[in-house]
């Protein structure tokens, strides 16, 4: 009962443990340039996805298809906080003139990160730095201010 005073269900406990282990290592960090910071963050996520954390994310996403509580916990503890963080970062990039003023941060997230999750879930290829760089360069051609 003590556990359920802090967490409402098993899914919340699992997500709390997962987020506390994975999240701190995959945040945006300062780099030489704004663009390099995004690339570095994507590479760091891909590295996490290549390891035990990737296997855990695959399992959580699969189980969330059948467990509504886990689906909500995954969205509330992993997906939405990360989207809010990225939106704020991309909005700052728009304000600072690194990105086009008409860029939709939500669409930018989907363009940059959906390929990582797709490869993670579908196993269509490795999440190498070269693959991340290729996705990143293609996406940034359309997103950055010229």
C-alpha atoms as a PDB file:
ATOM      1  CA  UNK A   1       0.000   0.000   0.000  1.00  0.00           C
ATOM      2  CA  UNK A   2       2.875   2.395   0.681  1.00  0.00           C
ATOM      3  CA  UNK A   3       3.968   2.134  -2.949  1.00  0.00           C
ATOM      4  CA  UNK A   4       0.504   3.074  -4.215  1.00  0.00           C
ATOM      5  CA  UNK A   5       0.482   6.262  -2.135  1.00  0.00           C
ATOM      6  CA  UNK A   6       3.139   7.602  -4.470  1.00  0.00           C
ATOM      7  CA  UNK A   7       2.183   5.803  -7.712  1.00  0.00           C
ATOM      8  CA  UNK A   8      -1.395   5.040  -8.764  1.00  0.00           C
ATOM      9  CA  UNK A   9      -0.617   1.719 -10.485  1.00  0.00           C
ATOM     10  CA  UNK A  10       2.098  -0.668 -11.696  1.00  0.00           C
ATOM     11  CA  UNK A  11       2.419   1.177 -15.002  1.00  0.00           C
ATOM     12  CA  UNK A  12       3.312   4.399 -13.202  1.00  0.00           C
ATOM     13  CA  UNK A  13       5.987   2.596 -11.179  1.00  0.00           C
ATOM     14  CA  UNK A  14       7.506   1.060 -14.301  1.00  0.00           C
ATOM     15  CA  UNK A  15       7.520   4.408 -16.106  1.00  0.00           C
ATOM     16  CA  UNK A  16       9.039   6.228 -13.133  1.00  0.00           C
ATOM     17  CA  UNK A  17      11.915   3.738 -13.041  1.00  0.00           C
ATOM     18  CA  UNK A  18      12.379   3.882 -16.811  1.00  0.00           C
ATOM     19  CA  UNK A  19      12.333   7.679 -17.056  1.00  0.00           C
ATOM     20  CA  UNK A  20      14.702   8.153 -14.121  1.00  0.00           C
ATOM     21  CA  UNK A  21      17.214   5.824 -15.803  1.00  0.00           C
ATOM     22  CA  UNK A  22      16.967   6.982 -19.438  1.00  0.00           C
ATOM     23  CA  UNK A  23      15.788  10.601 -19.493  1.00  0.00           C
ATOM     24  CA  UNK A  24      18.755  12.465 -17.955  1.00  0.00           C
ATOM     25  CA  UNK A  25      21.145  11.142 -20.592  1.00  0.00           C
ATOM     26  CA  UNK A  26      19.024  12.157 -23.557  1.00  0.00           C
ATOM     27  CA  UNK A  27      18.340  15.852 -22.958  1.00  0.00           C
ATOM     28  CA  UNK A  28      19.537  18.718 -25.182  1.00  0.00           C
ATOM     29  CA  UNK A  29      23.026  19.827 -24.208  1.00  0.00           C
ATOM     30  CA  UNK A  30      25.028  22.829 -25.355  1.00  0.00           C
ATOM     31  CA  UNK A  31      27.193  22.249 -28.405  1.00  0.00           C
ATOM     32  CA  UNK A  32      29.227  24.395 -30.806  1.00  0.00           C
ATOM     33  CA  UNK A  33      26.079  25.390 -32.667  1.00  0.00           C
ATOM     34  CA  UNK A  34      22.328  25.167 -32.202  1.00  0.00           C
ATOM     35  CA  UNK A  35      22.160  22.651 -35.042  1.00  0.00           C
ATOM     36  CA  UNK A  36      24.926  20.512 -33.495  1.00  0.00           C
ATOM     37  CA  UNK A  37      22.998  20.404 -30.218  1.00  0.00           C
ATOM     38  CA  UNK A  38      19.998  18.830 -31.955  1.00  0.00           C
ATOM     39  CA  UNK A  39      22.187  16.320 -33.800  1.00  0.00           C
ATOM     40  CA  UNK A  40      23.992  15.402 -30.558  1.00  0.00           C
ATOM     41  CA  UNK A  41      20.689  14.889 -28.751  1.00  0.00           C
ATOM     42  CA  UNK A  42      19.419  12.623 -31.557  1.00  0.00           C
ATOM     43  CA  UNK A  43      22.652  10.607 -31.522  1.00  0.00           C
ATOM     44  CA  UNK A  44      22.418  10.231 -27.739  1.00  0.00           C
ATOM     45  CA  UNK A  45      18.844   8.954 -28.036  1.00  0.00           C
ATOM     46  CA  UNK A  46      19.855   6.518 -30.773  1.00  0.00           C
ATOM     47  CA  UNK A  47      22.709   5.246 -28.599  1.00  0.00           C
ATOM     48  CA  UNK A  48      20.274   4.647 -25.729  1.00  0.00           C
ATOM     49  CA  UNK A  49      17.897   2.902 -28.137  1.00  0.00           C
ATOM     50  CA  UNK A  50      20.704   0.580 -29.287  1.00  0.00           C
ATOM     51  CA  UNK A  51      21.176  -0.695 -25.730  1.00  0.00           C
ATOM     52  CA  UNK A  52      19.049  -2.134 -22.958  1.00  0.00           C
ATOM     53  CA  UNK A  53      16.929   1.012 -22.895  1.00  0.00           C
ATOM     54  CA  UNK A  54      15.885   0.383 -26.499  1.00  0.00           C
ATOM     55  CA  UNK A  55      14.739  -3.126 -25.678  1.00  0.00           C
ATOM     56  CA  UNK A  56      12.788  -1.746 -22.733  1.00  0.00           C
ATOM     57  CA  UNK A  57      11.131   0.964 -24.859  1.00  0.00           C
ATOM     58  CA  UNK A  58      10.136  -1.649 -27.452  1.00  0.00           C
ATOM     59  CA  UNK A  59       8.618  -3.803 -24.703  1.00  0.00           C
ATOM     60  CA  UNK A  60       6.812  -0.864 -23.089  1.00  0.00           C
ATOM     61  CA  UNK A  61       5.388   0.311 -26.413  1.00  0.00           C
ATOM     62  CA  UNK A  62       4.252  -3.203 -27.281  1.00  0.00           C
ATOM     63  CA  UNK A  63       2.619  -3.738 -23.893  1.00  0.00           C
ATOM     64  CA  UNK A  64       1.006  -0.281 -24.004  1.00  0.00           C
ATOM     65  CA  UNK A  65      -1.058  -1.468 -26.980  1.00  0.00           C
ATOM     66  CA  UNK A  66      -2.918  -3.798 -24.601  1.00  0.00           C
ATOM     67  CA  UNK A  67      -2.627  -1.948 -21.300  1.00  0.00           C
ATOM     68  CA  UNK A  68      -4.414   1.425 -21.264  1.00  0.00           C
ATOM     69  CA  UNK A  69      -2.824   2.419 -17.935  1.00  0.00           C
ATOM     70  CA  UNK A  70       0.646   1.808 -19.330  1.00  0.00           C
ATOM     71  CA  UNK A  71      -0.238   3.708 -22.518  1.00  0.00           C
ATOM     72  CA  UNK A  72      -1.270   6.730 -20.445  1.00  0.00           C
ATOM     73  CA  UNK A  73       1.779   6.448 -18.181  1.00  0.00           C
ATOM     74  CA  UNK A  74       4.120   6.167 -21.177  1.00  0.00           C
ATOM     75  CA  UNK A  75       2.562   9.202 -22.834  1.00  0.00           C
ATOM     76  CA  UNK A  76       2.488  11.297 -19.624  1.00  0.00           C
ATOM     77  CA  UNK A  77       5.935  10.335 -18.268  1.00  0.00           C
ATOM     78  CA  UNK A  78       7.987   9.893 -21.468  1.00  0.00           C
ATOM     79  CA  UNK A  79       6.386  11.186 -24.643  1.00  0.00           C
ATOM     80  CA  UNK A  80       4.761  14.445 -23.595  1.00  0.00           C
ATOM     81  CA  UNK A  81       7.532  15.788 -21.320  1.00  0.00           C
ATOM     82  CA  UNK A  82      10.051  15.125 -24.081  1.00  0.00           C
ATOM     83  CA  UNK A  83       7.820  16.811 -26.660  1.00  0.00           C
ATOM     84  CA  UNK A  84       7.412  19.864 -24.410  1.00  0.00           C
ATOM     85  CA  UNK A  85      11.180  20.035 -23.941  1.00  0.00           C
ATOM     86  CA  UNK A  86      11.811  19.795 -27.693  1.00  0.00           C
ATOM     87  CA  UNK A  87       9.059  22.304 -28.537  1.00  0.00           C
ATOM     88  CA  UNK A  88      10.606  24.835 -26.178  1.00  0.00           C
ATOM     89  CA  UNK A  89      14.052  24.199 -27.657  1.00  0.00           C
ATOM     90  CA  UNK A  90      12.785  24.535 -31.232  1.00  0.00           C
ATOM     91  CA  UNK A  91      10.763  27.661 -30.417  1.00  0.00           C
ATOM     92  CA  UNK A  92      13.955  29.195 -29.016  1.00  0.00           C
ATOM     93  CA  UNK A  93      15.702  28.265 -32.266  1.00  0.00           C
ATOM     94  CA  UNK A  94      12.963  30.061 -34.211  1.00  0.00           C
ATOM     95  CA  UNK A  95      13.244  33.155 -31.989  1.00  0.00           C
ATOM     96  CA  UNK A  96      17.032  33.164 -32.327  1.00  0.00           C
ATOM     97  CA  UNK A  97      16.828  32.860 -36.124  1.00  0.00           C
ATOM     98  CA  UNK A  98      18.302  29.357 -36.448  1.00  0.00           C
ATOM     99  CA  UNK A  99      15.052  27.913 -37.794  1.00  0.00           C
ATOM    100  CA  UNK A 100      12.517  29.299 -40.247  1.00  0.00           C
ATOM    101  CA  UNK A 101       9.811  31.362 -38.591  1.00  0.00           C
ATOM    102  CA  UNK A 102       7.054  29.200 -40.095  1.00  0.00           C
ATOM    103  CA  UNK A 103       8.385  25.896 -38.697  1.00  0.00           C
ATOM    104  CA  UNK A 104       5.819  23.971 -36.653  1.00  0.00           C
ATOM    105  CA  UNK A 105       7.785  22.531 -33.690  1.00  0.00           C
ATOM    106  CA  UNK A 106       5.384  19.575 -33.400  1.00  0.00           C
ATOM    107  CA  UNK A 107       5.919  18.651 -37.045  1.00  0.00           C
ATOM    108  CA  UNK A 108       9.672  19.121 -36.588  1.00  0.00           C
ATOM    109  CA  UNK A 109       9.651  16.617 -33.731  1.00  0.00           C
ATOM    110  CA  UNK A 110       7.811  14.105 -35.903  1.00  0.00           C
ATOM    111  CA  UNK A 111      10.157  14.613 -38.865  1.00  0.00           C
ATOM    112  CA  UNK A 112      13.299  14.194 -36.766  1.00  0.00           C
ATOM    113  CA  UNK A 113      12.298  11.521 -34.262  1.00  0.00           C
ATOM    114  CA  UNK A 114       9.708   9.287 -35.947  1.00  0.00           C
ATOM    115  CA  UNK A 115      12.432   7.496 -37.959  1.00  0.00           C
ATOM    116  CA  UNK A 116      14.221   6.533 -34.726  1.00  0.00           C
ATOM    117  CA  UNK A 117      11.093   5.000 -33.229  1.00  0.00           C
ATOM    118  CA  UNK A 118      10.213   3.327 -36.526  1.00  0.00           C
ATOM    119  CA  UNK A 119      13.597   1.601 -36.768  1.00  0.00           C
ATOM    120  CA  UNK A 120      13.471   0.740 -33.090  1.00  0.00           C
ATOM    121  CA  UNK A 121      10.044  -0.886 -33.389  1.00  0.00           C
ATOM    122  CA  UNK A 122      10.293  -2.412 -36.852  1.00  0.00           C
ATOM    123  CA  UNK A 123      13.947  -3.460 -36.845  1.00  0.00           C
ATOM    124  CA  UNK A 124      14.441  -2.222 -40.419  1.00  0.00           C
ATOM    125  CA  UNK A 125      18.043  -1.204 -39.807  1.00  0.00           C
ATOM    126  CA  UNK A 126      20.527  -0.084 -37.179  1.00  0.00           C
ATOM    127  CA  UNK A 127      20.311   3.252 -35.393  1.00  0.00           C
ATOM    128  CA  UNK A 128      23.856   4.266 -36.249  1.00  0.00           C
ATOM    129  CA  UNK A 129      25.313   7.757 -36.034  1.00  0.00           C
ATOM    130  CA  UNK A 130      25.538   7.716 -39.855  1.00  0.00           C
ATOM    131  CA  UNK A 131      21.799   7.026 -40.099  1.00  0.00           C
ATOM    132  CA  UNK A 132      21.015   9.776 -37.579  1.00  0.00           C
ATOM    133  CA  UNK A 133      23.218  12.216 -39.496  1.00  0.00           C
ATOM    134  CA  UNK A 134      21.455  11.371 -42.752  1.00  0.00           C
ATOM    135  CA  UNK A 135      17.976  11.915 -41.281  1.00  0.00           C
ATOM    136  CA  UNK A 136      19.158  15.060 -39.582  1.00  0.00           C
ATOM    137  CA  UNK A 137      20.727  16.599 -42.696  1.00  0.00           C
ATOM    138  CA  UNK A 138      17.682  15.863 -44.865  1.00  0.00           C
ATOM    139  CA  UNK A 139      15.318  17.341 -42.289  1.00  0.00           C
ATOM    140  CA  UNK A 140      17.414  20.404 -41.524  1.00  0.00           C
ATOM    141  CA  UNK A 141      17.612  21.375 -45.196  1.00  0.00           C
ATOM    142  CA  UNK A 142      13.918  22.104 -45.001  1.00  0.00           C
ATOM    143  CA  UNK A 143      13.789  23.488 -41.460  1.00  0.00           C
ATOM    144  CA  UNK A 144      16.668  25.850 -41.015  1.00  0.00           C
ATOM    145  CA  UNK A 145      16.611  29.475 -41.973  1.00  0.00           C
ATOM    146  CA  UNK A 146      18.662  30.258 -45.075  1.00  0.00           C
END
